[in-house]
Protein backbone atom coordinates (compact mmCIF):
# COMPACT_ATOMS: atom_id res chain seq x y z
CA MET A 1 207.17 58.07 98.51
CA ALA A 2 206.91 60.10 95.43
CA ASP A 3 209.63 61.00 93.13
CA GLN A 4 210.69 64.44 94.27
CA SER A 5 210.90 65.60 90.55
CA LEU A 6 207.04 64.99 90.36
CA ILE A 7 206.42 66.86 93.81
CA ASN A 8 208.24 69.71 92.49
CA ALA A 9 206.57 69.76 89.06
CA LEU A 10 203.37 69.85 90.83
CA HIS A 11 204.34 72.69 93.14
CA GLU A 12 205.50 74.80 90.66
CA CYS A 13 202.55 74.38 88.78
CA MET A 14 200.36 75.09 91.42
CA GLU A 15 202.23 78.47 92.19
CA ALA A 16 202.35 79.27 88.24
CA CYS A 17 198.22 78.65 88.31
CA ASN A 18 197.62 80.63 91.16
CA HIS A 19 199.81 83.48 90.03
CA CYS A 20 198.25 83.51 86.55
CA PHE A 21 195.01 83.38 88.09
CA ASP A 22 195.59 86.51 90.21
CA ALA A 23 197.26 88.31 87.38
CA CYS A 24 194.57 87.66 84.98
CA LEU A 25 191.93 89.03 87.24
CA MET A 26 193.55 92.19 86.72
CA GLU A 27 193.87 92.27 82.99
CA ASP A 28 191.69 95.15 81.55
CA ASN A 29 189.67 92.50 79.68
CA VAL A 30 188.88 90.12 82.26
CA LYS A 31 185.83 88.50 80.35
CA MET A 32 188.23 87.47 77.74
CA MET A 33 190.73 85.59 80.39
CA LYS A 34 187.68 83.75 82.01
CA ASN A 35 188.44 80.41 80.39
CA CYS A 36 191.86 81.02 81.78
CA ILE A 37 190.96 81.73 85.27
CA ARG A 38 188.79 78.85 85.36
CA LEU A 39 191.33 76.82 84.24
CA ASP A 40 194.12 77.98 86.66
CA ARG A 41 191.65 77.47 89.45
CA GLU A 42 190.85 73.68 88.82
CA CYS A 43 194.73 72.99 87.61
CA ALA A 44 196.24 74.67 90.81
CA ASP A 45 193.51 72.55 92.67
CA ILE A 46 194.47 69.20 91.49
CA CYS A 47 198.39 69.67 91.91
CA GLY A 48 197.80 70.65 95.59
CA TYR A 49 195.46 67.74 95.93
CA LEU A 50 197.89 65.28 93.94
CA GLU A 51 200.68 66.43 96.16
CA GLY A 52 198.78 65.32 99.04
CA ALA A 53 197.89 62.18 97.75
CA LEU A 54 201.35 61.65 96.69
CA SER A 55 202.57 62.26 100.47
CA ARG A 56 199.77 60.11 101.94
CA ASN A 57 200.41 57.04 99.73
CA SER A 58 196.99 57.10 98.23
CA PRO A 59 196.04 53.86 96.66
CA VAL A 60 194.34 56.26 93.99
CA ALA A 61 197.35 58.41 93.12
CA LYS A 62 197.87 57.00 89.94
CA GLU A 63 193.78 57.87 88.85
CA ILE A 64 194.43 61.10 90.32
CA ALA A 65 197.91 61.86 88.30
CA GLU A 66 195.85 60.68 84.99
CA ALA A 67 193.11 63.40 85.92
CA CYS A 68 196.01 66.02 86.79
CA ALA A 69 197.66 65.44 83.72
CA LYS A 70 194.66 66.07 81.79
CA ILE A 71 193.60 69.23 83.62
CA CYS A 72 197.41 70.52 83.21
CA GLU A 73 197.30 69.99 79.84
CA ALA A 74 194.02 71.60 79.07
CA CYS A 75 195.23 74.83 81.31
CA ALA A 76 198.78 74.83 79.24
CA ASN A 77 196.56 75.01 76.09
CA GLU A 78 194.50 77.74 77.03
CA CYS A 79 197.41 80.02 78.39
CA LYS A 80 199.29 79.46 75.28
CA GLN A 81 196.68 81.40 73.69
CA HIS A 82 197.57 84.32 75.47
CA ASP A 83 200.37 86.81 75.11
CA HIS A 84 200.68 88.14 78.89
CA ASP A 85 204.03 86.81 80.32
CA HIS A 86 202.22 85.14 83.08
CA CYS A 87 200.08 82.69 80.50
CA GLN A 88 203.32 81.73 78.86
CA LYS A 89 204.85 80.92 82.08
CA CYS A 90 202.24 78.99 83.27
CA ALA A 91 201.68 77.13 80.19
CA GLU A 92 205.36 75.90 80.40
CA ALA A 93 204.98 74.79 83.92
CA CYS A 94 201.23 73.18 83.18
CA ALA A 95 203.04 71.15 80.30
CA LYS A 96 205.85 69.99 82.64
CA CYS A 97 203.64 69.38 85.07
CA ALA A 98 201.40 66.89 82.48
CA GLU A 99 204.29 65.16 81.44
CA ALA A 100 205.67 64.46 85.06
CA CYS A 101 202.11 63.12 86.17
CA ARG A 102 201.93 60.97 83.02
CA GLN A 103 205.01 58.80 84.16
CA VAL A 104 203.19 58.06 87.01
CA THR A 105 200.18 56.60 85.07
């Protein structure tokens, strides 16, 4: 079974990305947020997928964790560029999750 701190980081990141995704869609300049929205979606999906893979003891969990770390890092870097509170919180959750994923690899 996976480390509970990794499971928690994945779940928190998924929730932060889903919230950021939704909040970005409500921003006045949605077009400016398109990369953030796209990465939020990718990041939430890979975090959820890795969480499931870990729970079923997937033989490729390390490879998925490696991809998850890269996507989380990309999402964190994108969200850091925006001043919105939801983006800043998402960037923090993504950076924490990327670090946790790297412990698996």
